[in-house]
Structure formats: structure tokens, C-alpha cells
Amino acid sequence: VVKCTVSQPKEKVVVIGGGSGTLGLIQALRELKYPGAIT
């Protein structure tokens, strides 16, 4: 995951929970260049 800036702020992924599933999700989103915000 390289340093990232949000290019499409209207796109927003919110994840409820802070475990292994969340780790896989947020890292893969940034690996795949998801342009939106993540919370």
C-alpha cells in the first residue's frame, strides 16, 4: 500500500469491526487503487 490520497471523496467504504476481515479488506482496497474514502 503506497501513500494514498482520496481522489473520489463521494465514494466511501465504511467497515464495522476491527479484525482480520477488516485487515484483508482495507489493504486490498488500497492495493487495487480504490479511489474513495475508507472508514
PDB file of all heavy atoms in Angstrom:
ATOM      1  N   VAL A   1       0.848  -1.192   0.000  1.00  0.00           N
ATOM      2  CA  VAL A   1       0.000   0.000   0.000  1.00  0.00           C
ATOM      3  C   VAL A   1       0.883   1.241   0.000  1.00  0.00           C
ATOM      4  O   VAL A   1       1.573   1.523   0.970  1.00  0.00           O
ATOM      5  CB  VAL A   1      -0.930   0.011   1.224  1.00  0.00           C
ATOM      6  CG1 VAL A   1      -1.780   1.274   1.222  1.00  0.00           C
ATOM      7  CG2 VAL A   1      -1.816  -1.222   1.219  1.00  0.00           C
ATOM      8  N   VAL A   2       0.880   1.945  -1.097  1.00  0.00           N
ATOM      9  CA  VAL A   2       1.678   3.171  -1.183  1.00  0.00           C
ATOM     10  C   VAL A   2       0.874   4.323  -0.605  1.00  0.00           C
ATOM     11  O   VAL A   2      -0.326   4.217  -0.366  1.00  0.00           O
ATOM     12  CB  VAL A   2       2.066   3.480  -2.641  1.00  0.00           C
ATOM     13  CG1 VAL A   2       2.961   2.390  -3.192  1.00  0.00           C
ATOM     14  CG2 VAL A   2       0.821   3.640  -3.513  1.00  0.00           C
ATOM     15  N   LYS A   3       1.561   5.432  -0.370  1.00  0.00           N
ATOM     16  CA  LYS A   3       0.889   6.608   0.167  1.00  0.00           C
ATOM     17  C   LYS A   3      -0.272   6.989  -0.742  1.00  0.00           C
ATOM     18  O   LYS A   3      -0.137   7.054  -1.963  1.00  0.00           O
ATOM     19  CB  LYS A   3       1.883   7.761   0.283  1.00  0.00           C
ATOM     20  CG  LYS A   3       1.363   8.934   1.085  1.00  0.00           C
ATOM     21  CD  LYS A   3       2.479   9.936   1.359  1.00  0.00           C
ATOM     22  CE  LYS A   3       1.965  11.070   2.236  1.00  0.00           C
ATOM     23  NZ  LYS A   3       3.061  12.025   2.555  1.00  0.00           N
ATOM     24  N   CYS A   4      -1.422   7.235  -0.139  1.00  0.00           N
ATOM     25  CA  CYS A   4      -2.654   7.362  -0.922  1.00  0.00           C
ATOM     26  C   CYS A   4      -3.361   8.674  -0.607  1.00  0.00           C
ATOM     27  O   CYS A   4      -3.355   9.149   0.533  1.00  0.00           O
ATOM     28  CB  CYS A   4      -3.575   6.186  -0.596  1.00  0.00           C
ATOM     29  SG  CYS A   4      -5.219   6.317  -1.312  1.00  0.00           S
ATOM     30  N   THR A   5      -3.965   9.264  -1.615  1.00  0.00           N
ATOM     31  CA  THR A   5      -4.885  10.383  -1.426  1.00  0.00           C
ATOM     32  C   THR A   5      -6.223   9.994  -2.038  1.00  0.00           C
ATOM     33  O   THR A   5      -6.283   9.231  -3.010  1.00  0.00           O
ATOM     34  CB  THR A   5      -4.369  11.667  -2.104  1.00  0.00           C
ATOM     35  OG1 THR A   5      -4.138  11.401  -3.493  1.00  0.00           O
ATOM     36  CG2 THR A   5      -3.078  12.139  -1.448  1.00  0.00           C
ATOM     37  N   VAL A   6      -7.294  10.493  -1.461  1.00  0.00           N
ATOM     38  CA  VAL A   6      -8.644  10.165  -1.925  1.00  0.00           C
ATOM     39  C   VAL A   6      -8.995  11.051  -3.107  1.00  0.00           C
ATOM     40  O   VAL A   6      -9.084  12.274  -2.971  1.00  0.00           O
ATOM     41  CB  VAL A   6      -9.671  10.332  -0.780  1.00  0.00           C
ATOM     42  CG1 VAL A   6     -11.085  10.104  -1.305  1.00  0.00           C
ATOM     43  CG2 VAL A   6      -9.354   9.380   0.358  1.00  0.00           C
ATOM     44  N   SER A   7      -9.192  10.450  -4.283  1.00  0.00           N
ATOM     45  CA  SER A   7      -9.494  11.211  -5.491  1.00  0.00           C
ATOM     46  C   SER A   7     -10.988  11.304  -5.774  1.00  0.00           C
ATOM     47  O   SER A   7     -11.412  12.164  -6.537  1.00  0.00           O
ATOM     48  CB  SER A   7      -8.775  10.590  -6.696  1.00  0.00           C
ATOM     49  OG  SER A   7      -9.190   9.244  -6.887  1.00  0.00           O
ATOM     50  N   GLN A   8     -11.765  10.419  -5.178  1.00  0.00           N
ATOM     51  CA  GLN A   8     -13.226  10.450  -5.341  1.00  0.00           C
ATOM     52  C   GLN A   8     -13.893  10.417  -3.967  1.00  0.00           C
ATOM     53  O   GLN A   8     -14.358   9.376  -3.512  1.00  0.00           O
ATOM     54  CB  GLN A   8     -13.690   9.262  -6.188  1.00  0.00           C
ATOM     55  CG  GLN A   8     -13.201   9.296  -7.625  1.00  0.00           C
ATOM     56  CD  GLN A   8     -13.776   8.157  -8.454  1.00  0.00           C
ATOM     57  OE1 GLN A   8     -14.876   7.663  -8.197  1.00  0.00           O
ATOM     58  NE2 GLN A   8     -13.037   7.737  -9.474  1.00  0.00           N
ATOM     59  N   PRO A   9     -13.934  11.556  -3.274  1.00  0.00           N
ATOM     60  CA  PRO A   9     -14.453  11.580  -1.895  1.00  0.00           C
ATOM     61  C   PRO A   9     -15.922  11.189  -1.771  1.00  0.00           C
ATOM     62  O   PRO A   9     -16.373  10.820  -0.678  1.00  0.00           O
ATOM     63  CB  PRO A   9     -14.229  13.037  -1.463  1.00  0.00           C
ATOM     64  CG  PRO A   9     -14.098  13.810  -2.744  1.00  0.00           C
ATOM     65  CD  PRO A   9     -13.469  12.878  -3.719  1.00  0.00           C
ATOM     66  N   LYS A  10     -16.673  11.239  -2.875  1.00  0.00           N
ATOM     67  CA  LYS A  10     -18.076  10.817  -2.794  1.00  0.00           C
ATOM     68  C   LYS A  10     -18.211   9.305  -2.636  1.00  0.00           C
ATOM     69  O   LYS A  10     -19.244   8.807  -2.212  1.00  0.00           O
ATOM     70  CB  LYS A  10     -18.839  11.289  -4.030  1.00  0.00           C
ATOM     71  CG  LYS A  10     -19.040  12.798  -4.084  1.00  0.00           C
ATOM     72  CD  LYS A  10     -19.887  13.204  -5.275  1.00  0.00           C
ATOM     73  CE  LYS A  10     -20.113  14.713  -5.296  1.00  0.00           C
ATOM     74  NZ  LYS A  10     -20.950  15.132  -6.458  1.00  0.00           N
ATOM     75  N   GLU A  11     -17.147   8.580  -3.016  1.00  0.00           N
ATOM     76  CA  GLU A  11     -17.109   7.136  -2.802  1.00  0.00           C
ATOM     77  C   GLU A  11     -16.563   6.874  -1.403  1.00  0.00           C
ATOM     78  O   GLU A  11     -15.489   7.361  -1.052  1.00  0.00           O
ATOM     79  CB  GLU A  11     -16.222   6.447  -3.831  1.00  0.00           C
ATOM     80  CG  GLU A  11     -16.830   6.331  -5.202  1.00  0.00           C
ATOM     81  CD  GLU A  11     -17.969   5.319  -5.241  1.00  0.00           C
ATOM     82  OE1 GLU A  11     -17.959   4.377  -4.429  1.00  0.00           O
ATOM     83  OE2 GLU A  11     -18.858   5.488  -6.085  1.00  0.00           O
ATOM     84  N   LYS A  12     -17.301   6.106  -0.605  1.00  0.00           N
ATOM     85  CA  LYS A  12     -16.852   5.888   0.770  1.00  0.00           C
ATOM     86  C   LYS A  12     -17.220   4.485   1.233  1.00  0.00           C
ATOM     87  O   LYS A  12     -18.393   4.126   1.281  1.00  0.00           O
ATOM     88  CB  LYS A  12     -17.464   6.915   1.716  1.00  0.00           C
ATOM     89  CG  LYS A  12     -16.976   6.786   3.159  1.00  0.00           C
ATOM     90  CD  LYS A  12     -17.556   7.873   4.041  1.00  0.00           C
ATOM     91  CE  LYS A  12     -17.005   7.788   5.459  1.00  0.00           C
ATOM     92  NZ  LYS A  12     -17.544   8.863   6.327  1.00  0.00           N
ATOM     93  N   VAL A  13     -16.194   3.705   1.575  1.00  0.00           N
ATOM     94  CA  VAL A  13     -16.395   2.401   2.197  1.00  0.00           C
ATOM     95  C   VAL A  13     -16.303   2.576   3.705  1.00  0.00           C
ATOM     96  O   VAL A  13     -15.323   3.130   4.219  1.00  0.00           O
ATOM     97  CB  VAL A  13     -15.330   1.384   1.735  1.00  0.00           C
ATOM     98  CG1 VAL A  13     -15.409   0.105   2.584  1.00  0.00           C
ATOM     99  CG2 VAL A  13     -15.519   1.040   0.268  1.00  0.00           C
ATOM    100  N   VAL A  14     -17.326   2.110   4.393  1.00  0.00           N
ATOM    101  CA  VAL A  14     -17.296   2.066   5.857  1.00  0.00           C
ATOM    102  C   VAL A  14     -17.320   0.609   6.276  1.00  0.00           C
ATOM    103  O   VAL A  14     -18.130  -0.181   5.769  1.00  0.00           O
ATOM    104  CB  VAL A  14     -18.478   2.824   6.485  1.00  0.00           C
ATOM    105  CG1 VAL A  14     -18.455   2.680   8.001  1.00  0.00           C
ATOM    106  CG2 VAL A  14     -18.422   4.301   6.101  1.00  0.00           C
ATOM    107  N   VAL A  15     -16.426   0.233   7.165  1.00  0.00           N
ATOM    108  CA  VAL A  15     -16.374  -1.148   7.649  1.00  0.00           C
ATOM    109  C   VAL A  15     -16.619  -1.146   9.154  1.00  0.00           C
ATOM    110  O   VAL A  15     -16.023  -0.354   9.890  1.00  0.00           O
ATOM    111  CB  VAL A  15     -15.037  -1.838   7.285  1.00  0.00           C
ATOM    112  CG1 VAL A  15     -13.858  -1.018   7.713  1.00  0.00           C
ATOM    113  CG2 VAL A  15     -14.959  -3.227   7.893  1.00  0.00           C
ATOM    114  N   ILE A  16     -17.532  -2.001   9.596  1.00  0.00           N
ATOM    115  CA  ILE A  16     -17.861  -2.131  11.015  1.00  0.00           C
ATOM    116  C   ILE A  16     -17.087  -3.312  11.577  1.00  0.00           C
ATOM    117  O   ILE A  16     -17.337  -4.462  11.213  1.00  0.00           O
ATOM    118  CB  ILE A  16     -19.375  -2.340  11.208  1.00  0.00           C
ATOM    119  CG1 ILE A  16     -20.158  -1.144  10.657  1.00  0.00           C
ATOM    120  CG2 ILE A  16     -19.707  -2.553  12.692  1.00  0.00           C
ATOM    121  CD1 ILE A  16     -21.668  -1.348  10.658  1.00  0.00           C
ATOM    122  N   GLY A  17     -16.123  -3.032  12.445  1.00  0.00           N
ATOM    123  CA  GLY A  17     -15.308  -4.089  13.032  1.00  0.00           C
ATOM    124  C   GLY A  17     -13.839  -3.862  12.757  1.00  0.00           C
ATOM    125  O   GLY A  17     -13.473  -3.247  11.745  1.00  0.00           O
ATOM    126  N   GLY A  18     -12.997  -4.373  13.643  1.00  0.00           N
ATOM    127  CA  GLY A  18     -11.567  -4.148  13.512  1.00  0.00           C
ATOM    128  C   GLY A  18     -10.755  -5.413  13.626  1.00  0.00           C
ATOM    129  O   GLY A  18      -9.762  -5.453  14.347  1.00  0.00           O
ATOM    130  N   GLY A  19     -11.149  -6.463  12.894  1.00  0.00           N
ATOM    131  CA  GLY A  19     -10.451  -7.734  12.973  1.00  0.00           C
ATOM    132  C   GLY A  19      -9.782  -8.121  11.674  1.00  0.00           C
ATOM    133  O   GLY A  19      -9.442  -7.277  10.830  1.00  0.00           O
ATOM    134  N   SER A  20      -9.612  -9.433  11.492  1.00  0.00           N
ATOM    135  CA  SER A  20      -8.882  -9.950  10.338  1.00  0.00           C
ATOM    136  C   SER A  20      -9.575  -9.621   9.018  1.00  0.00           C
ATOM    137  O   SER A  20      -8.920  -9.302   8.030  1.00  0.00           O
ATOM    138  CB  SER A  20      -8.728 -11.472  10.467  1.00  0.00           C
ATOM    139  OG  SER A  20      -8.058 -12.013   9.361  1.00  0.00           O
ATOM    140  N   GLY A  21     -10.900  -9.715   8.980  1.00  0.00           N
ATOM    141  CA  GLY A  21     -11.622  -9.391   7.757  1.00  0.00           C
ATOM    142  C   GLY A  21     -11.401  -7.955   7.337  1.00  0.00           C
ATOM    143  O   GLY A  21     -11.245  -7.649   6.146  1.00  0.00           O
ATOM    144  N   THR A  22     -11.369  -7.065   8.316  1.00  0.00           N
ATOM    145  CA  THR A  22     -11.123  -5.654   8.035  1.00  0.00           C
ATOM    146  C   THR A  22      -9.714  -5.440   7.498  1.00  0.00           C
ATOM    147  O   THR A  22      -9.504  -4.668   6.561  1.00  0.00           O
ATOM    148  CB  THR A  22     -11.348  -4.817   9.305  1.00  0.00           C
ATOM    149  OG1 THR A  22     -12.703  -4.972   9.727  1.00  0.00           O
ATOM    150  CG2 THR A  22     -11.077  -3.344   9.045  1.00  0.00           C
ATOM    151  N   LEU A  23      -8.732  -6.134   8.083  1.00  0.00           N
ATOM    152  CA  LEU A  23      -7.362  -6.022   7.594  1.00  0.00           C
ATOM    153  C   LEU A  23      -7.271  -6.423   6.125  1.00  0.00           C
ATOM    154  O   LEU A  23      -6.679  -5.706   5.303  1.00  0.00           O
ATOM    155  CB  LEU A  23      -6.436  -6.904   8.435  1.00  0.00           C
ATOM    156  CG  LEU A  23      -4.967  -6.939   7.988  1.00  0.00           C
ATOM    157  CD1 LEU A  23      -4.318  -5.576   8.163  1.00  0.00           C
ATOM    158  CD2 LEU A  23      -4.196  -8.004   8.769  1.00  0.00           C
ATOM    159  N   GLY A  24      -7.847  -7.573   5.765  1.00  0.00           N
ATOM    160  CA  GLY A  24      -7.827  -8.007   4.378  1.00  0.00           C
ATOM    161  C   GLY A  24      -8.524  -7.028   3.461  1.00  0.00           C
ATOM    162  O   GLY A  24      -8.047  -6.735   2.353  1.00  0.00           O
ATOM    163  N   LEU A  25      -9.646  -6.484   3.913  1.00  0.00           N
ATOM    164  CA  LEU A  25     -10.432  -5.557   3.107  1.00  0.00           C
ATOM    165  C   LEU A  25      -9.676  -4.271   2.813  1.00  0.00           C
ATOM    166  O   LEU A  25      -9.507  -3.877   1.656  1.00  0.00           O
ATOM    167  CB  LEU A  25     -11.734  -5.225   3.836  1.00  0.00           C
ATOM    168  CG  LEU A  25     -12.570  -4.135   3.168  1.00  0.00           C
ATOM    169  CD1 LEU A  25     -13.449  -4.736   2.094  1.00  0.00           C
ATOM    170  CD2 LEU A  25     -13.403  -3.374   4.183  1.00  0.00           C
ATOM    171  N   ILE A  26      -9.214  -3.593   3.870  1.00  0.00           N
ATOM    172  CA  ILE A  26      -8.639  -2.257   3.667  1.00  0.00           C
ATOM    173  C   ILE A  26      -7.332  -2.330   2.897  1.00  0.00           C
ATOM    174  O   ILE A  26      -7.047  -1.464   2.055  1.00  0.00           O
ATOM    175  CB  ILE A  26      -8.446  -1.513   5.004  1.00  0.00           C
ATOM    176  CG1 ILE A  26      -7.501  -2.272   5.936  1.00  0.00           C
ATOM    177  CG2 ILE A  26      -9.797  -1.256   5.666  1.00  0.00           C
ATOM    178  CD1 ILE A  26      -7.172  -1.518   7.220  1.00  0.00           C
ATOM    179  N   GLN A  27      -6.542  -3.361   3.161  1.00  0.00           N
ATOM    180  CA  GLN A  27      -5.285  -3.465   2.426  1.00  0.00           C
ATOM    181  C   GLN A  27      -5.543  -3.738   0.949  1.00  0.00           C
ATOM    182  O   GLN A  27      -4.928  -3.121   0.075  1.00  0.00           O
ATOM    183  CB  GLN A  27      -4.401  -4.561   3.009  1.00  0.00           C
ATOM    184  CG  GLN A  27      -3.089  -4.713   2.252  1.00  0.00           C
ATOM    185  CD  GLN A  27      -2.014  -5.392   3.070  1.00  0.00           C
ATOM    186  OE1 GLN A  27      -1.651  -4.935   4.141  1.00  0.00           O
ATOM    187  NE2 GLN A  27      -1.507  -6.495   2.553  1.00  0.00           N
ATOM    188  N   ALA A  28      -6.461  -4.655   0.656  1.00  0.00           N
ATOM    189  CA  ALA A  28      -6.752  -4.970  -0.746  1.00  0.00           C
ATOM    190  C   ALA A  28      -7.386  -3.792  -1.472  1.00  0.00           C
ATOM    191  O   ALA A  28      -7.116  -3.563  -2.654  1.00  0.00           O
ATOM    192  CB  ALA A  28      -7.653  -6.198  -0.828  1.00  0.00           C
ATOM    193  N   LEU A  29      -8.230  -3.027  -0.786  1.00  0.00           N
ATOM    194  CA  LEU A  29      -8.819  -1.846  -1.420  1.00  0.00           C
ATOM    195  C   LEU A  29      -7.735  -0.887  -1.902  1.00  0.00           C
ATOM    196  O   LEU A  29      -7.780  -0.376  -3.026  1.00  0.00           O
ATOM    197  CB  LEU A  29      -9.749  -1.119  -0.442  1.00  0.00           C
ATOM    198  CG  LEU A  29     -11.129  -1.730  -0.219  1.00  0.00           C
ATOM    199  CD1 LEU A  29     -11.851  -1.003   0.911  1.00  0.00           C
ATOM    200  CD2 LEU A  29     -11.978  -1.701  -1.494  1.00  0.00           C
ATOM    201  N   ARG A  30      -6.738  -0.657  -1.069  1.00  0.00           N
ATOM    202  CA  ARG A  30      -5.677   0.269  -1.467  1.00  0.00           C
ATOM    203  C   ARG A  30      -4.723  -0.366  -2.478  1.00  0.00           C
ATOM    204  O   ARG A  30      -4.222   0.308  -3.382  1.00  0.00           O
ATOM    205  CB  ARG A  30      -4.918   0.761  -0.234  1.00  0.00           C
ATOM    206  CG  ARG A  30      -5.719   1.733   0.652  1.00  0.00           C
ATOM    207  CD  ARG A  30      -6.295   2.863  -0.158  1.00  0.00           C
ATOM    208  NE  ARG A  30      -6.906   3.908   0.665  1.00  0.00           N
ATOM    209  CZ  ARG A  30      -7.986   4.581   0.317  1.00  0.00           C
ATOM    210  NH1 ARG A  30      -8.593   4.303  -0.858  1.00  0.00           N
ATOM    211  NH2 ARG A  30      -8.475   5.524   1.087  1.00  0.00           N
ATOM    212  N   GLU A  31      -4.480  -1.676  -2.374  1.00  0.00           N
ATOM    213  CA  GLU A  31      -3.677  -2.356  -3.390  1.00  0.00           C
ATOM    214  C   GLU A  31      -4.311  -2.206  -4.767  1.00  0.00           C
ATOM    215  O   GLU A  31      -3.624  -2.024  -5.782  1.00  0.00           O
ATOM    216  CB  GLU A  31      -3.566  -3.852  -3.070  1.00  0.00           C
ATOM    217  CG  GLU A  31      -2.675  -4.203  -1.893  1.00  0.00           C
ATOM    218  CD  GLU A  31      -2.790  -5.678  -1.545  1.00  0.00           C
ATOM    219  OE1 GLU A  31      -3.297  -6.459  -2.378  1.00  0.00           O
ATOM    220  OE2 GLU A  31      -2.389  -6.053  -0.442  1.00  0.00           O
ATOM    221  N   LEU A  32      -5.652  -2.284  -4.802  1.00  0.00           N
ATOM    222  CA  LEU A  32      -6.392  -2.238  -6.058  1.00  0.00           C
ATOM    223  C   LEU A  32      -6.749  -0.812  -6.481  1.00  0.00           C
ATOM    224  O   LEU A  32      -7.528  -0.611  -7.409  1.00  0.00           O
ATOM    225  CB  LEU A  32      -7.671  -3.078  -5.926  1.00  0.00           C
ATOM    226  CG  LEU A  32      -7.442  -4.576  -5.693  1.00  0.00           C
ATOM    227  CD1 LEU A  32      -8.752  -5.276  -5.320  1.00  0.00           C
ATOM    228  CD2 LEU A  32      -6.820  -5.233  -6.912  1.00  0.00           C
ATOM    229  N   LYS A  33      -6.181   0.169  -5.787  1.00  0.00           N
ATOM    230  CA  LYS A  33      -6.330   1.586  -6.134  1.00  0.00           C
ATOM    231  C   LYS A  33      -7.764   2.090  -5.971  1.00  0.00           C
ATOM    232  O   LYS A  33      -8.233   2.932  -6.760  1.00  0.00           O
ATOM    233  CB  LYS A  33      -5.844   1.858  -7.567  1.00  0.00           C
ATOM    234  CG  LYS A  33      -4.484   1.266  -7.910  1.00  0.00           C
ATOM    235  CD  LYS A  33      -3.376   1.786  -7.021  1.00  0.00           C
ATOM    236  CE  LYS A  33      -2.014   1.229  -7.429  1.00  0.00           C
ATOM    237  NZ  LYS A  33      -0.937   1.592  -6.467  1.00  0.00           N
ATOM    238  N   TYR A  34      -8.465   1.608  -4.967  1.00  0.00           N
ATOM    239  CA  TYR A  34      -9.791   2.159  -4.696  1.00  0.00           C
ATOM    240  C   TYR A  34      -9.650   3.656  -4.448  1.00  0.00           C
ATOM    241  O   TYR A  34      -8.862   4.091  -3.603  1.00  0.00           O
ATOM    242  CB  TYR A  34     -10.399   1.468  -3.475  1.00  0.00           C
ATOM    243  CG  TYR A  34     -11.711   2.071  -3.027  1.00  0.00           C
ATOM    244  CD1 TYR A  34     -12.858   1.943  -3.802  1.00  0.00           C
ATOM    245  CD2 TYR A  34     -11.792   2.801  -1.837  1.00  0.00           C
ATOM    246  CE1 TYR A  34     -14.058   2.514  -3.406  1.00  0.00           C
ATOM    247  CE2 TYR A  34     -12.994   3.362  -1.423  1.00  0.00           C
ATOM    248  CZ  TYR A  34     -14.123   3.224  -2.213  1.00  0.00           C
ATOM    249  OH  TYR A  34     -15.307   3.788  -1.806  1.00  0.00           O
ATOM    250  N   PRO A  35     -10.423   4.498  -5.177  1.00  0.00           N
ATOM    251  CA  PRO A  35     -10.197   5.948  -5.125  1.00  0.00           C
ATOM    252  C   PRO A  35     -10.948   6.679  -4.021  1.00  0.00           C
ATOM    253  O   PRO A  35     -10.770   7.881  -3.849  1.00  0.00           O
ATOM    254  CB  PRO A  35     -10.699   6.404  -6.501  1.00  0.00           C
ATOM    255  CG  PRO A  35     -11.829   5.451  -6.788  1.00  0.00           C
ATOM    256  CD  PRO A  35     -11.395   4.119  -6.215  1.00  0.00           C
ATOM    257  N   GLY A  36     -11.809   5.961  -3.295  1.00  0.00           N
ATOM    258  CA  GLY A  36     -12.666   6.625  -2.319  1.00  0.00           C
ATOM    259  C   GLY A  36     -12.107   6.630  -0.912  1.00  0.00           C
ATOM    260  O   GLY A  36     -11.004   6.154  -0.639  1.00  0.00           O
ATOM    261  N   ALA A  37     -12.898   7.177  -0.009  1.00  0.00           N
ATOM    262  CA  ALA A  37     -12.535   7.226   1.406  1.00  0.00           C
ATOM    263  C   ALA A  37     -12.813   5.871   2.056  1.00  0.00           C
ATOM    264  O   ALA A  37     -13.666   5.105   1.601  1.00  0.00           O
ATOM    265  CB  ALA A  37     -13.336   8.320   2.099  1.00  0.00           C
ATOM    266  N   ILE A  38     -12.086   5.583   3.126  1.00  0.00           N
ATOM    267  CA  ILE A  38     -12.284   4.353   3.894  1.00  0.00           C
ATOM    268  C   ILE A  38     -12.345   4.727   5.368  1.00  0.00           C
ATOM    269  O   ILE A  38     -11.470   5.435   5.873  1.00  0.00           O
ATOM    270  CB  ILE A  38     -11.149   3.341   3.675  1.00  0.00           C
ATOM    271  CG1 ILE A  38     -11.022   2.961   2.202  1.00  0.00           C
ATOM    272  CG2 ILE A  38     -11.372   2.086   4.521  1.00  0.00           C
ATOM    273  CD1 ILE A  38      -9.816   2.073   1.894  1.00  0.00           C
ATOM    274  N   THR A  39     -13.370   4.233   6.053  1.00  0.00           N
ATOM    275  CA  THR A  39     -13.531   4.476   7.491  1.00  0.00           C
ATOM    276  C   THR A  39     -13.768   3.164   8.206  1.00  0.00           C
ATOM    277  O   THR A  39     -14.598   2.354   7.775  1.00  0.00           O
ATOM    278  CB  THR A  39     -14.707   5.432   7.770  1.00  0.00           C
ATOM    279  OG1 THR A  39     -14.438   6.699   7.192  1.00  0.00           O
ATOM    280  CG2 THR A  39     -14.920   5.619   9.271  1.00  0.00           C
TER     281      THR A  39
END
